[in-house]
C-alpha atoms as a PDB file:
ATOM      1  CA  UNK A   1       0.100   0.247   0.150  1.00  0.00           C
ATOM      2  CA  UNK A   2       2.827   2.385   0.624  1.00  0.00           C
ATOM      3  CA  UNK A   3       4.632   1.695  -2.675  1.00  0.00           C
ATOM      4  CA  UNK A   4       1.258   2.309  -4.268  1.00  0.00           C
ATOM      5  CA  UNK A   5       0.807   5.807  -2.533  1.00  0.00           C
ATOM      6  CA  UNK A   6       4.467   6.520  -3.371  1.00  0.00           C
ATOM      7  CA  UNK A   7       4.115   5.968  -6.973  1.00  0.00           C
ATOM      8  CA  UNK A   8       0.760   7.931  -7.223  1.00  0.00           C
ATOM      9  CA  UNK A   9       2.443  11.098  -5.275  1.00  0.00           C
ATOM     10  CA  UNK A  10       5.229  10.696  -7.545  1.00  0.00           C
ATOM     11  CA  UNK A  11       3.434  10.421 -10.497  1.00  0.00           C
ATOM     12  CA  UNK A  12       1.322  13.559  -9.726  1.00  0.00           C
ATOM     13  CA  UNK A  13       4.674  15.565  -9.204  1.00  0.00           C
ATOM     14  CA  UNK A  14       5.725  14.422 -12.396  1.00  0.00           C
ATOM     15  CA  UNK A  15       2.700  15.674 -14.364  1.00  0.00           C
ATOM     16  CA  UNK A  16       2.772  18.718 -12.307  1.00  0.00           C
ATOM     17  CA  UNK A  17       6.431  19.683 -12.732  1.00  0.00           C
ATOM     18  CA  UNK A  18       5.542  18.616 -16.677  1.00  0.00           C
ATOM     19  CA  UNK A  19       3.005  21.207 -17.312  1.00  0.00           C
ATOM     20  CA  UNK A  20       4.534  23.773 -15.242  1.00  0.00           C
ATOM     21  CA  UNK A  21       7.645  23.773 -17.655  1.00  0.00           C
ATOM     22  CA  UNK A  22       5.814  23.259 -20.038  1.00  0.00           C
ATOM     23  CA  UNK A  23       3.375  26.275 -19.745  1.00  0.00           C
ATOM     24  CA  UNK A  24       7.065  28.398 -19.134  1.00  0.00           C
ATOM     25  CA  UNK A  25       8.627  26.869 -22.328  1.00  0.00           C
ATOM     26  CA  UNK A  26       5.616  27.739 -24.471  1.00  0.00           C
ATOM     27  CA  UNK A  27       5.843  31.323 -23.406  1.00  0.00           C
ATOM     28  CA  UNK A  28       9.314  31.722 -23.840  1.00  0.00           C
ATOM     29  CA  UNK A  29       8.889  30.262 -27.122  1.00  0.00           C
ATOM     30  CA  UNK A  30       5.934  33.014 -28.211  1.00  0.00           C
ATOM     31  CA  UNK A  31       8.328  35.538 -26.931  1.00  0.00           C
ATOM     32  CA  UNK A  32      11.362  34.271 -29.015  1.00  0.00           C
ATOM     33  CA  UNK A  33       9.169  33.939 -31.910  1.00  0.00           C
ATOM     34  CA  UNK A  34       7.091  37.612 -31.484  1.00  0.00           C
ATOM     35  CA  UNK A  35      11.095  38.903 -31.509  1.00  0.00           C
ATOM     36  CA  UNK A  36      11.937  36.930 -33.910  1.00  0.00           C
ATOM     37  CA  UNK A  37       8.683  38.400 -36.247  1.00  0.00           C
ATOM     38  CA  UNK A  38       9.237  41.648 -35.825  1.00  0.00           C
ATOM     39  CA  UNK A  39      12.551  41.545 -36.973  1.00  0.00           C
ATOM     40  CA  UNK A  40      11.310  39.386 -39.847  1.00  0.00           C
ATOM     41  CA  UNK A  41       9.045  42.479 -40.487  1.00  0.00           C
ATOM     42  CA  UNK A  42      11.173  45.521 -39.756  1.00  0.00           C
ATOM     43  CA  UNK A  43      11.433  47.870 -43.337  1.00  0.00           C
ATOM     44  CA  UNK A  44      15.035  47.332 -43.396  1.00  0.00           C
ATOM     45  CA  UNK A  45      15.114  44.333 -43.286  1.00  0.00           C
ATOM     46  CA  UNK A  46      12.281  43.352 -45.574  1.00  0.00           C
ATOM     47  CA  UNK A  47      14.735  45.644 -48.124  1.00  0.00           C
ATOM     48  CA  UNK A  48      17.454  43.916 -47.421  1.00  0.00           C
ATOM     49  CA  UNK A  49      15.609  40.525 -48.177  1.00  0.00           C
ATOM     50  CA  UNK A  50      14.318  41.782 -51.041  1.00  0.00           C
ATOM     51  CA  UNK A  51      17.631  42.875 -52.849  1.00  0.00           C
ATOM     52  CA  UNK A  52      19.599  39.705 -51.952  1.00  0.00           C
ATOM     53  CA  UNK A  53      16.274  37.753 -53.492  1.00  0.00           C
ATOM     54  CA  UNK A  54      17.087  39.961 -56.591  1.00  0.00           C
ATOM     55  CA  UNK A  55      20.608  38.822 -56.548  1.00  0.00           C
ATOM     56  CA  UNK A  56      20.096  34.971 -56.026  1.00  0.00           C
ATOM     57  CA  UNK A  57      18.195  35.174 -58.838  1.00  0.00           C
ATOM     58  CA  UNK A  58      20.250  37.088 -61.588  1.00  0.00           C
ATOM     59  CA  UNK A  59      23.375  34.782 -60.207  1.00  0.00           C
ATOM     60  CA  UNK A  60      21.290  31.439 -60.854  1.00  0.00           C
ATOM     61  CA  UNK A  61      20.481  33.504 -64.740  1.00  0.00           C
ATOM     62  CA  UNK A  62      24.138  33.707 -65.029  1.00  0.00           C
ATOM     63  CA  UNK A  63      25.261  30.097 -63.933  1.00  0.00           C
ATOM     64  CA  UNK A  64      22.332  28.902 -65.884  1.00  0.00           C
ATOM     65  CA  UNK A  65      23.976  30.652 -68.889  1.00  0.00           C
ATOM     66  CA  UNK A  66      27.418  29.811 -68.433  1.00  0.00           C
ATOM     67  CA  UNK A  67      26.549  26.087 -67.785  1.00  0.00           C
ATOM     68  CA  UNK A  68      23.980  25.552 -71.162  1.00  0.00           C
END
């Protein structure tokens, strides 16, 4: 009987710890996601991404011409 009680108590502790940790992890994930989203959507970063995309497409076209 004592072993069953200890096992039940340990199970409750593990479940509570998991739930508390997952909530904290989710909050931290949301904070990182929001920060990354604000950087990704920044006007300057958008301009740089657009410029890099154009350069990449040009480089691909040049490489295709050189390869035949």
